[in-house]
Amino acid sequence: AIEDNDYSRSWARLGQSLPQPQAILVVSAHWMTKGSTLVN
């Protein structure tokens, strides 16, 4: 997230290729629940 490397540069290039969404729904590995699917 704070380094200028091949990964961060590829994400920036991808962003330049994507359209502007109305909203973004993120399914992240770092929000884990047990027995339910939570929506923020």
PDB file of all heavy atoms in Angstrom:
ATOM      1  N   ALA A   1       0.813  -1.219   0.000  1.00  0.00           N
ATOM      2  CA  ALA A   1       0.000   0.000   0.000  1.00  0.00           C
ATOM      3  C   ALA A   1       0.847   1.270   0.000  1.00  0.00           C
ATOM      4  O   ALA A   1       0.358   2.343  -0.378  1.00  0.00           O
ATOM      5  CB  ALA A   1      -0.939   0.013   1.207  1.00  0.00           C
ATOM      6  N   ILE A   2       2.087   1.172   0.425  1.00  0.00           N
ATOM      7  CA  ILE A   2       2.929   2.374   0.497  1.00  0.00           C
ATOM      8  C   ILE A   2       4.196   2.254  -0.333  1.00  0.00           C
ATOM      9  O   ILE A   2       5.030   3.165  -0.327  1.00  0.00           O
ATOM     10  CB  ILE A   2       3.288   2.722   1.955  1.00  0.00           C
ATOM     11  CG1 ILE A   2       3.997   1.562   2.647  1.00  0.00           C
ATOM     12  CG2 ILE A   2       2.037   3.130   2.730  1.00  0.00           C
ATOM     13  CD1 ILE A   2       4.542   1.909   4.029  1.00  0.00           C
ATOM     14  N   GLU A   3       4.349   1.143  -1.042  1.00  0.00           N
ATOM     15  CA  GLU A   3       5.541   0.956  -1.858  1.00  0.00           C
ATOM     16  C   GLU A   3       5.239   1.162  -3.338  1.00  0.00           C
ATOM     17  O   GLU A   3       4.138   0.856  -3.806  1.00  0.00           O
ATOM     18  CB  GLU A   3       6.115  -0.444  -1.641  1.00  0.00           C
ATOM     19  CG  GLU A   3       6.692  -0.646  -0.242  1.00  0.00           C
ATOM     20  CD  GLU A   3       7.266  -2.042  -0.048  1.00  0.00           C
ATOM     21  OE1 GLU A   3       7.010  -2.930  -0.912  1.00  0.00           O
ATOM     22  OE2 GLU A   3       7.961  -2.248   0.960  1.00  0.00           O
ATOM     23  N   ASP A   4       6.212   1.684  -4.039  1.00  0.00           N
ATOM     24  CA  ASP A   4       6.129   1.793  -5.497  1.00  0.00           C
ATOM     25  C   ASP A   4       6.771   0.531  -6.063  1.00  0.00           C
ATOM     26  O   ASP A   4       7.995   0.423  -6.152  1.00  0.00           O
ATOM     27  CB  ASP A   4       6.876   3.046  -5.968  1.00  0.00           C
ATOM     28  CG  ASP A   4       6.891   3.184  -7.488  1.00  0.00           C
ATOM     29  OD1 ASP A   4       6.028   2.565  -8.145  1.00  0.00           O
ATOM     30  OD2 ASP A   4       7.780   3.885  -8.014  1.00  0.00           O
ATOM     31  N   ASN A   5       5.959  -0.442  -6.399  1.00  0.00           N
ATOM     32  CA  ASN A   5       6.479  -1.713  -6.897  1.00  0.00           C
ATOM     33  C   ASN A   5       5.617  -2.209  -8.054  1.00  0.00           C
ATOM     34  O   ASN A   5       4.670  -1.538  -8.476  1.00  0.00           O
ATOM     35  CB  ASN A   5       6.569  -2.746  -5.771  1.00  0.00           C
ATOM     36  CG  ASN A   5       5.227  -3.021  -5.094  1.00  0.00           C
ATOM     37  OD1 ASN A   5       4.170  -2.940  -5.717  1.00  0.00           O
ATOM     38  ND2 ASN A   5       5.270  -3.345  -3.796  1.00  0.00           N
ATOM     39  N   ASP A   6       5.941  -3.379  -8.559  1.00  0.00           N
ATOM     40  CA  ASP A   6       5.210  -3.908  -9.715  1.00  0.00           C
ATOM     41  C   ASP A   6       3.726  -4.074  -9.412  1.00  0.00           C
ATOM     42  O   ASP A   6       2.877  -3.854 -10.287  1.00  0.00           O
ATOM     43  CB  ASP A   6       5.796  -5.259 -10.141  1.00  0.00           C
ATOM     44  CG  ASP A   6       7.161  -5.125 -10.792  1.00  0.00           C
ATOM     45  OD1 ASP A   6       7.527  -3.998 -11.187  1.00  0.00           O
ATOM     46  OD2 ASP A   6       7.872  -6.150 -10.902  1.00  0.00           O
ATOM     47  N   TYR A   7       3.406  -4.463  -8.180  1.00  0.00           N
ATOM     48  CA  TYR A   7       2.008  -4.702  -7.836  1.00  0.00           C
ATOM     49  C   TYR A   7       1.231  -3.389  -7.771  1.00  0.00           C
ATOM     50  O   TYR A   7       0.162  -3.258  -8.384  1.00  0.00           O
ATOM     51  CB  TYR A   7       1.911  -5.443  -6.506  1.00  0.00           C
ATOM     52  CG  TYR A   7       2.718  -6.717  -6.477  1.00  0.00           C
ATOM     53  CD1 TYR A   7       3.630  -6.967  -5.452  1.00  0.00           C
ATOM     54  CD2 TYR A   7       2.590  -7.670  -7.482  1.00  0.00           C
ATOM     55  CE1 TYR A   7       4.380  -8.136  -5.429  1.00  0.00           C
ATOM     56  CE2 TYR A   7       3.342  -8.839  -7.467  1.00  0.00           C
ATOM     57  CZ  TYR A   7       4.237  -9.062  -6.434  1.00  0.00           C
ATOM     58  OH  TYR A   7       4.976 -10.209  -6.420  1.00  0.00           O
ATOM     59  N   SER A   8       1.744  -2.426  -7.029  1.00  0.00           N
ATOM     60  CA  SER A   8       1.018  -1.159  -6.893  1.00  0.00           C
ATOM     61  C   SER A   8       0.893  -0.453  -8.239  1.00  0.00           C
ATOM     62  O   SER A   8      -0.144   0.156  -8.531  1.00  0.00           O
ATOM     63  CB  SER A   8       1.703  -0.261  -5.868  1.00  0.00           C
ATOM     64  OG  SER A   8       3.033   0.057  -6.232  1.00  0.00           O
ATOM     65  N   ARG A   9       1.927  -0.549  -9.065  1.00  0.00           N
ATOM     66  CA  ARG A   9       1.838   0.085 -10.389  1.00  0.00           C
ATOM     67  C   ARG A   9       0.810  -0.612 -11.266  1.00  0.00           C
ATOM     68  O   ARG A   9       0.099   0.036 -12.041  1.00  0.00           O
ATOM     69  CB  ARG A   9       3.213   0.099 -11.062  1.00  0.00           C
ATOM     70  CG  ARG A   9       4.181   1.101 -10.435  1.00  0.00           C
ATOM     71  CD  ARG A   9       5.414   1.291 -11.302  1.00  0.00           C
ATOM     72  NE  ARG A   9       6.244   0.097 -11.354  1.00  0.00           N
ATOM     73  CZ  ARG A   9       7.229  -0.182 -10.499  1.00  0.00           C
ATOM     74  NH1 ARG A   9       7.494   0.657  -9.499  1.00  0.00           N
ATOM     75  NH2 ARG A   9       7.947  -1.279 -10.614  1.00  0.00           N
ATOM     76  N   SER A  10       0.704  -1.936 -11.145  1.00  0.00           N
ATOM     77  CA  SER A  10      -0.284  -2.665 -11.955  1.00  0.00           C
ATOM     78  C   SER A  10      -1.702  -2.303 -11.519  1.00  0.00           C
ATOM     79  O   SER A  10      -2.608  -2.200 -12.345  1.00  0.00           O
ATOM     80  CB  SER A  10      -0.065  -4.180 -11.848  1.00  0.00           C
ATOM     81  OG  SER A  10      -0.498  -4.693 -10.596  1.00  0.00           O
ATOM     82  N   TRP A  11      -1.913  -2.094 -10.208  1.00  0.00           N
ATOM     83  CA  TRP A  11      -3.242  -1.698  -9.735  1.00  0.00           C
ATOM     84  C   TRP A  11      -3.602  -0.301 -10.250  1.00  0.00           C
ATOM     85  O   TRP A  11      -4.752  -0.058 -10.619  1.00  0.00           O
ATOM     86  CB  TRP A  11      -3.290  -1.733  -8.212  1.00  0.00           C
ATOM     87  CG  TRP A  11      -3.031  -3.093  -7.636  1.00  0.00           C
ATOM     88  CD1 TRP A  11      -3.263  -4.302  -8.235  1.00  0.00           C
ATOM     89  CD2 TRP A  11      -2.474  -3.394  -6.359  1.00  0.00           C
ATOM     90  NE1 TRP A  11      -2.886  -5.344  -7.416  1.00  0.00           N
ATOM     91  CE2 TRP A  11      -2.396  -4.816  -6.242  1.00  0.00           C
ATOM     92  CE3 TRP A  11      -2.027  -2.621  -5.287  1.00  0.00           C
ATOM     93  CZ2 TRP A  11      -1.900  -5.445  -5.105  1.00  0.00           C
ATOM     94  CZ3 TRP A  11      -1.531  -3.244  -4.154  1.00  0.00           C
ATOM     95  CH2 TRP A  11      -1.472  -4.646  -4.067  1.00  0.00           C
ATOM     96  N   ALA A  12      -2.604   0.577 -10.272  1.00  0.00           N
ATOM     97  CA  ALA A  12      -2.864   1.926 -10.797  1.00  0.00           C
ATOM     98  C   ALA A  12      -3.220   1.870 -12.282  1.00  0.00           C
ATOM     99  O   ALA A  12      -4.143   2.567 -12.734  1.00  0.00           O
ATOM    100  CB  ALA A  12      -1.644   2.818 -10.567  1.00  0.00           C
ATOM    101  N   ARG A  13      -2.514   1.049 -13.047  1.00  0.00           N
ATOM    102  CA  ARG A  13      -2.815   0.925 -14.482  1.00  0.00           C
ATOM    103  C   ARG A  13      -4.200   0.316 -14.689  1.00  0.00           C
ATOM    104  O   ARG A  13      -4.936   0.735 -15.583  1.00  0.00           O
ATOM    105  CB  ARG A  13      -1.754   0.065 -15.179  1.00  0.00           C
ATOM    106  CG  ARG A  13      -0.393   0.741 -15.310  1.00  0.00           C
ATOM    107  CD  ARG A  13       0.497  -0.011 -16.293  1.00  0.00           C
ATOM    108  NE  ARG A  13       0.781  -1.372 -15.862  1.00  0.00           N
ATOM    109  CZ  ARG A  13       1.830  -1.723 -15.114  1.00  0.00           C
ATOM    110  NH1 ARG A  13       2.685  -0.795 -14.697  1.00  0.00           N
ATOM    111  NH2 ARG A  13       2.023  -2.984 -14.765  1.00  0.00           N
ATOM    112  N   LEU A  14      -4.544  -0.663 -13.859  1.00  0.00           N
ATOM    113  CA  LEU A  14      -5.874  -1.257 -13.963  1.00  0.00           C
ATOM    114  C   LEU A  14      -6.941  -0.205 -13.682  1.00  0.00           C
ATOM    115  O   LEU A  14      -7.945  -0.112 -14.399  1.00  0.00           O
ATOM    116  CB  LEU A  14      -6.011  -2.421 -12.981  1.00  0.00           C
ATOM    117  CG  LEU A  14      -7.397  -3.066 -12.894  1.00  0.00           C
ATOM    118  CD1 LEU A  14      -7.809  -3.671 -14.232  1.00  0.00           C
ATOM    119  CD2 LEU A  14      -7.426  -4.129 -11.789  1.00  0.00           C
ATOM    120  N   GLY A  15      -6.727   0.604 -12.656  1.00  0.00           N
ATOM    121  CA  GLY A  15      -7.690   1.643 -12.330  1.00  0.00           C
ATOM    122  C   GLY A  15      -7.914   2.612 -13.473  1.00  0.00           C
ATOM    123  O   GLY A  15      -9.033   3.086 -13.701  1.00  0.00           O
ATOM    124  N   GLN A  16      -6.864   2.897 -14.229  1.00  0.00           N
ATOM    125  CA  GLN A  16      -6.982   3.803 -15.375  1.00  0.00           C
ATOM    126  C   GLN A  16      -7.778   3.167 -16.508  1.00  0.00           C
ATOM    127  O   GLN A  16      -8.297   3.870 -17.383  1.00  0.00           O
ATOM    128  CB  GLN A  16      -5.587   4.194 -15.862  1.00  0.00           C
ATOM    129  CG  GLN A  16      -4.822   5.063 -14.870  1.00  0.00           C
ATOM    130  CD  GLN A  16      -3.337   5.140 -15.171  1.00  0.00           C
ATOM    131  OE1 GLN A  16      -2.873   4.679 -16.226  1.00  0.00           O
ATOM    132  NE2 GLN A  16      -2.577   5.702 -14.255  1.00  0.00           N
ATOM    133  N   SER A  17      -7.890   1.842 -16.491  1.00  0.00           N
ATOM    134  CA  SER A  17      -8.626   1.129 -17.540  1.00  0.00           C
ATOM    135  C   SER A  17     -10.084   0.884 -17.164  1.00  0.00           C
ATOM    136  O   SER A  17     -10.894   0.579 -18.036  1.00  0.00           O
ATOM    137  CB  SER A  17      -7.957  -0.231 -17.820  1.00  0.00           C
ATOM    138  OG  SER A  17      -6.607  -0.061 -18.210  1.00  0.00           O
ATOM    139  N   LEU A  18     -10.385   0.997 -15.885  1.00  0.00           N
ATOM    140  CA  LEU A  18     -11.744   0.715 -15.419  1.00  0.00           C
ATOM    141  C   LEU A  18     -12.627   1.954 -15.521  1.00  0.00           C
ATOM    142  O   LEU A  18     -12.148   3.078 -15.376  1.00  0.00           O
ATOM    143  CB  LEU A  18     -11.720   0.248 -13.955  1.00  0.00           C
ATOM    144  CG  LEU A  18     -11.033  -1.081 -13.666  1.00  0.00           C
ATOM    145  CD1 LEU A  18     -10.964  -1.311 -12.159  1.00  0.00           C
ATOM    146  CD2 LEU A  18     -11.759  -2.242 -14.339  1.00  0.00           C
ATOM    147  N   PRO A  19     -13.909   1.760 -15.742  1.00  0.00           N
ATOM    148  CA  PRO A  19     -14.835   2.900 -15.719  1.00  0.00           C
ATOM    149  C   PRO A  19     -15.073   3.362 -14.291  1.00  0.00           C
ATOM    150  O   PRO A  19     -14.679   2.688 -13.335  1.00  0.00           O
ATOM    151  CB  PRO A  19     -16.115   2.321 -16.341  1.00  0.00           C
ATOM    152  CG  PRO A  19     -16.047   0.869 -16.001  1.00  0.00           C
ATOM    153  CD  PRO A  19     -14.593   0.483 -16.034  1.00  0.00           C
ATOM    154  N   GLN A  20     -15.703   4.491 -14.142  1.00  0.00           N
ATOM    155  CA  GLN A  20     -16.059   5.012 -12.820  1.00  0.00           C
ATOM    156  C   GLN A  20     -17.348   4.342 -12.367  1.00  0.00           C
ATOM    157  O   GLN A  20     -18.403   4.542 -12.970  1.00  0.00           O
ATOM    158  CB  GLN A  20     -16.261   6.530 -12.901  1.00  0.00           C
ATOM    159  CG  GLN A  20     -16.444   7.199 -11.555  1.00  0.00           C
ATOM    160  CD  GLN A  20     -15.132   7.605 -10.909  1.00  0.00           C
ATOM    161  OE1 GLN A  20     -14.061   7.170 -11.331  1.00  0.00           O
ATOM    162  NE2 GLN A  20     -15.196   8.436  -9.889  1.00  0.00           N
ATOM    163  N   PRO A  21     -17.304   3.537 -11.319  1.00  0.00           N
ATOM    164  CA  PRO A  21     -18.524   2.860 -10.867  1.00  0.00           C
ATOM    165  C   PRO A  21     -19.460   3.809 -10.122  1.00  0.00           C
ATOM    166  O   PRO A  21     -19.052   4.888  -9.684  1.00  0.00           O
ATOM    167  CB  PRO A  21     -17.993   1.786  -9.904  1.00  0.00           C
ATOM    168  CG  PRO A  21     -16.500   1.838  -9.990  1.00  0.00           C
ATOM    169  CD  PRO A  21     -16.142   3.187 -10.497  1.00  0.00           C
ATOM    170  N   GLN A  22     -20.698   3.379  -9.962  1.00  0.00           N
ATOM    171  CA  GLN A  22     -21.618   4.070  -9.078  1.00  0.00           C
ATOM    172  C   GLN A  22     -21.296   3.757  -7.617  1.00  0.00           C
ATOM    173  O   GLN A  22     -21.497   4.586  -6.725  1.00  0.00           O
ATOM    174  CB  GLN A  22     -23.058   3.654  -9.382  1.00  0.00           C
ATOM    175  CG  GLN A  22     -23.535   4.028 -10.777  1.00  0.00           C
ATOM    176  CD  GLN A  22     -23.520   5.534 -10.988  1.00  0.00           C
ATOM    177  OE1 GLN A  22     -24.033   6.295 -10.179  1.00  0.00           O
ATOM    178  NE2 GLN A  22     -22.923   5.959 -12.092  1.00  0.00           N
ATOM    179  N   ALA A  23     -20.776   2.540  -7.392  1.00  0.00           N
ATOM    180  CA  ALA A  23     -20.375   2.104  -6.051  1.00  0.00           C
ATOM    181  C   ALA A  23     -19.456   0.896  -6.208  1.00  0.00           C
ATOM    182  O   ALA A  23     -19.415   0.260  -7.268  1.00  0.00           O
ATOM    183  CB  ALA A  23     -21.583   1.758  -5.193  1.00  0.00           C
ATOM    184  N   ILE A  24     -18.739   0.590  -5.149  1.00  0.00           N
ATOM    185  CA  ILE A  24     -17.844  -0.567  -5.140  1.00  0.00           C
ATOM    186  C   ILE A  24     -18.217  -1.452  -3.956  1.00  0.00           C
ATOM    187  O   ILE A  24     -18.299  -0.979  -2.814  1.00  0.00           O
ATOM    188  CB  ILE A  24     -16.364  -0.140  -5.016  1.00  0.00           C
ATOM    189  CG1 ILE A  24     -15.974   0.801  -6.151  1.00  0.00           C
ATOM    190  CG2 ILE A  24     -15.458  -1.376  -5.023  1.00  0.00           C
ATOM    191  CD1 ILE A  24     -14.611   1.463  -5.973  1.00  0.00           C
ATOM    192  N   LEU A  25     -18.452  -2.721  -4.233  1.00  0.00           N
ATOM    193  CA  LEU A  25     -18.681  -3.718  -3.189  1.00  0.00           C
ATOM    194  C   LEU A  25     -17.396  -4.526  -3.049  1.00  0.00           C
ATOM    195  O   LEU A  25     -16.946  -5.147  -4.016  1.00  0.00           O
ATOM    196  CB  LEU A  25     -19.855  -4.625  -3.571  1.00  0.00           C
ATOM    197  CG  LEU A  25     -20.324  -5.679  -2.563  1.00  0.00           C
ATOM    198  CD1 LEU A  25     -21.717  -6.181  -2.955  1.00  0.00           C
ATOM    199  CD2 LEU A  25     -19.385  -6.873  -2.468  1.00  0.00           C
ATOM    200  N   VAL A  26     -16.796  -4.517  -1.870  1.00  0.00           N
ATOM    201  CA  VAL A  26     -15.530  -5.221  -1.645  1.00  0.00           C
ATOM    202  C   VAL A  26     -15.754  -6.448  -0.779  1.00  0.00           C
ATOM    203  O   VAL A  26     -16.356  -6.359   0.298  1.00  0.00           O
ATOM    204  CB  VAL A  26     -14.484  -4.312  -0.973  1.00  0.00           C
ATOM    205  CG1 VAL A  26     -13.171  -5.078  -0.767  1.00  0.00           C
ATOM    206  CG2 VAL A  26     -14.225  -3.062  -1.813  1.00  0.00           C
ATOM    207  N   VAL A  27     -15.266  -7.584  -1.260  1.00  0.00           N
ATOM    208  CA  VAL A  27     -15.234  -8.818  -0.467  1.00  0.00           C
ATOM    209  C   VAL A  27     -13.778  -9.036  -0.080  1.00  0.00           C
ATOM    210  O   VAL A  27     -12.960  -9.440  -0.904  1.00  0.00           O
ATOM    211  CB  VAL A  27     -15.770 -10.021  -1.268  1.00  0.00           C
ATOM    212  CG1 VAL A  27     -15.867 -11.245  -0.365  1.00  0.00           C
ATOM    213  CG2 VAL A  27     -17.120  -9.711  -1.889  1.00  0.00           C
ATOM    214  N   SER A  28     -13.447  -8.724   1.162  1.00  0.00           N
ATOM    215  CA  SER A  28     -12.065  -8.770   1.620  1.00  0.00           C
ATOM    216  C   SER A  28     -11.810  -9.981   2.498  1.00  0.00           C
ATOM    217  O   SER A  28     -12.670 -10.374   3.302  1.00  0.00           O
ATOM    218  CB  SER A  28     -11.730  -7.490   2.397  1.00  0.00           C
ATOM    219  OG  SER A  28     -10.518  -7.635   3.117  1.00  0.00           O
ATOM    220  N   ALA A  29     -10.608 -10.525   2.386  1.00  0.00           N
ATOM    221  CA  ALA A  29     -10.196 -11.640   3.235  1.00  0.00           C
ATOM    222  C   ALA A  29     -10.143 -11.273   4.708  1.00  0.00           C
ATOM    223  O   ALA A  29     -10.109 -12.157   5.569  1.00  0.00           O
ATOM    224  CB  ALA A  29      -8.815 -12.128   2.794  1.00  0.00           C
ATOM    225  N   HIS A  30     -10.158  -9.970   5.000  1.00  0.00           N
ATOM    226  CA  HIS A  30      -9.915  -9.533   6.375  1.00  0.00           C
ATOM    227  C   HIS A  30     -11.176  -9.188   7.162  1.00  0.00           C
ATOM    228  O   HIS A  30     -11.086  -8.643   8.264  1.00  0.00           O
ATOM    229  CB  HIS A  30      -8.928  -8.372   6.365  1.00  0.00           C
ATOM    230  CG  HIS A  30      -7.573  -8.796   5.884  1.00  0.00           C
ATOM    231  ND1 HIS A  30      -6.673  -9.448   6.693  1.00  0.00           N
ATOM    232  CD2 HIS A  30      -6.992  -8.717   4.654  1.00  0.00           C
ATOM    233  CE1 HIS A  30      -5.581  -9.732   5.999  1.00  0.00           C
ATOM    234  NE2 HIS A  30      -5.754  -9.308   4.761  1.00  0.00           N
ATOM    235  N   TRP A  31     -12.339  -9.488   6.599  1.00  0.00           N
ATOM    236  CA  TRP A  31     -13.577  -9.357   7.390  1.00  0.00           C
ATOM    237  C   TRP A  31     -14.235 -10.717   7.422  1.00  0.00           C
ATOM    238  O   TRP A  31     -14.949 -11.108   6.511  1.00  0.00           O
ATOM    239  CB  TRP A  31     -14.519  -8.311   6.803  1.00  0.00           C
ATOM    240  CG  TRP A  31     -15.657  -7.977   7.729  1.00  0.00           C
ATOM    241  CD1 TRP A  31     -15.759  -8.270   9.066  1.00  0.00           C
ATOM    242  CD2 TRP A  31     -16.865  -7.287   7.386  1.00  0.00           C
ATOM    243  NE1 TRP A  31     -16.949  -7.803   9.571  1.00  0.00           N
ATOM    244  CE2 TRP A  31     -17.638  -7.188   8.576  1.00  0.00           C
ATOM    245  CE3 TRP A  31     -17.352  -6.734   6.201  1.00  0.00           C
ATOM    246  CZ2 TRP A  31     -18.891  -6.570   8.596  1.00  0.00           C
ATOM    247  CZ3 TRP A  31     -18.597  -6.119   6.230  1.00  0.00           C
ATOM    248  CH2 TRP A  31     -19.355  -6.028   7.413  1.00  0.00           C
ATOM    249  N   MET A  32     -13.969 -11.450   8.494  1.00  0.00           N
ATOM    250  CA  MET A  32     -14.469 -12.806   8.643  1.00  0.00           C
ATOM    251  C   MET A  32     -15.578 -12.847   9.686  1.00  0.00           C
ATOM    252  O   MET A  32     -15.452 -12.257  10.756  1.00  0.00           O
ATOM    253  CB  MET A  32     -13.333 -13.747   9.063  1.00  0.00           C
ATOM    254  CG  MET A  32     -12.288 -13.968   7.988  1.00  0.00           C
ATOM    255  SD  MET A  32     -10.839 -14.871   8.633  1.00  0.00           S
ATOM    256  CE  MET A  32      -9.920 -13.522   9.405  1.00  0.00           C
ATOM    257  N   THR A  33     -16.648 -13.561   9.363  1.00  0.00           N
ATOM    258  CA  THR A  33     -17.743 -13.773  10.291  1.00  0.00           C
ATOM    259  C   THR A  33     -18.047 -15.267  10.344  1.00  0.00           C
ATOM    260  O   THR A  33     -17.552 -16.038   9.517  1.00  0.00           O
ATOM    261  CB  THR A  33     -18.997 -12.986   9.864  1.00  0.00           C
ATOM    262  OG1 THR A  33     -19.254 -13.227   8.461  1.00  0.00           O
ATOM    263  CG2 THR A  33     -18.798 -11.497  10.075  1.00  0.00           C
ATOM    264  N   LYS A  34     -18.843 -15.658  11.302  1.00  0.00           N
ATOM    265  CA  LYS A  34     -19.179 -17.070  11.458  1.00  0.00           C
ATOM    266  C   LYS A  34     -20.691 -17.224  11.589  1.00  0.00           C
ATOM    267  O   LYS A  34     -21.273 -16.796  12.589  1.00  0.00           O
ATOM    268  CB  LYS A  34     -18.478 -17.673  12.682  1.00  0.00           C
ATOM    269  CG  LYS A  34     -16.968 -17.764  12.526  1.00  0.00           C
ATOM    270  CD  LYS A  34     -16.329 -18.454  13.727  1.00  0.00           C
ATOM    271  CE  LYS A  34     -14.826 -18.600  13.519  1.00  0.00           C
ATOM    272  NZ  LYS A  34     -14.175 -19.282  14.678  1.00  0.00           N
ATOM    273  N   GLY A  35     -21.308 -17.780  10.558  1.00  0.00           N
ATOM    274  CA  GLY A  35     -22.737 -18.045  10.588  1.00  0.00           C
ATOM    275  C   GLY A  35     -23.599 -16.965   9.981  1.00  0.00           C
ATOM    276  O   GLY A  35     -24.814 -17.098   9.926  1.00  0.00           O
ATOM    277  N   SER A  36     -22.965 -15.882   9.512  1.00  0.00           N
ATOM    278  CA  SER A  36     -23.731 -14.811   8.872  1.00  0.00           C
ATOM    279  C   SER A  36     -22.862 -14.124   7.831  1.00  0.00           C
ATOM    280  O   SER A  36     -21.635 -14.202   7.869  1.00  0.00           O
ATOM    281  CB  SER A  36     -24.204 -13.780   9.904  1.00  0.00           C
ATOM    282  OG  SER A  36     -23.092 -13.160  10.538  1.00  0.00           O
ATOM    283  N   THR A  37     -23.526 -13.452   6.898  1.00  0.00           N
ATOM    284  CA  THR A  37     -22.852 -12.620   5.909  1.00  0.00           C
ATOM    285  C   THR A  37     -23.246 -11.181   6.222  1.00  0.00           C
ATOM    286  O   THR A  37     -24.405 -10.805   6.045  1.00  0.00           O
ATOM    287  CB  THR A  37     -23.291 -12.993   4.479  1.00  0.00           C
ATOM    288  OG1 THR A  37     -22.972 -14.364   4.228  1.00  0.00           O
ATOM    289  CG2 THR A  37     -22.570 -12.115   3.456  1.00  0.00           C
ATOM    290  N   LEU A  38     -22.296 -10.399   6.690  1.00  0.00           N
ATOM    291  CA  LEU A  38     -22.593  -9.030   7.081  1.00  0.00           C
ATOM    292  C   LEU A  38     -22.312  -8.064   5.938  1.00  0.00           C
ATOM    293  O   LEU A  38     -21.388  -8.268   5.148  1.00  0.00           O
ATOM    294  CB  LEU A  38     -21.778  -8.624   8.310  1.00  0.00           C
ATOM    295  CG  LEU A  38     -22.032  -9.434   9.583  1.00  0.00           C
ATOM    296  CD1 LEU A  38     -21.270  -8.820  10.754  1.00  0.00           C
ATOM    297  CD2 LEU A  38     -23.514  -9.526   9.903  1.00  0.00           C
ATOM    298  N   VAL A  39     -23.128  -7.031   5.848  1.00  0.00           N
ATOM    299  CA  VAL A  39     -22.995  -5.994   4.830  1.00  0.00           C
ATOM    300  C   VAL A  39     -22.868  -4.663   5.557  1.00  0.00           C
ATOM    301  O   VAL A  39     -23.765  -4.287   6.323  1.00  0.00           O
ATOM    302  CB  VAL A  39     -24.221  -5.961   3.888  1.00  0.00           C
ATOM    303  CG1 VAL A  39     -23.975  -4.977   2.753  1.00  0.00           C
ATOM    304  CG2 VAL A  39     -24.539  -7.349   3.346  1.00  0.00           C
ATOM    305  N   ASN A  40     -21.776  -3.961   5.333  1.00  0.00           N
ATOM    306  CA  ASN A  40     -21.582  -2.698   6.034  1.00  0.00           C
ATOM    307  C   ASN A  40     -22.463  -1.619   5.425  1.00  0.00           C
ATOM    308  O   ASN A  40     -22.390  -1.343   4.229  1.00  0.00           O
ATOM    309  CB  ASN A  40     -20.121  -2.272   5.997  1.00  0.00           C
ATOM    310  CG  ASN A  40     -19.883  -1.037   6.835  1.00  0.00           C
ATOM    311  OD1 ASN A  40     -19.769   0.058   6.309  1.00  0.00           O
ATOM    312  ND2 ASN A  40     -19.840  -1.198   8.148  1.00  0.00           N
TER     313      ASN A  40
END
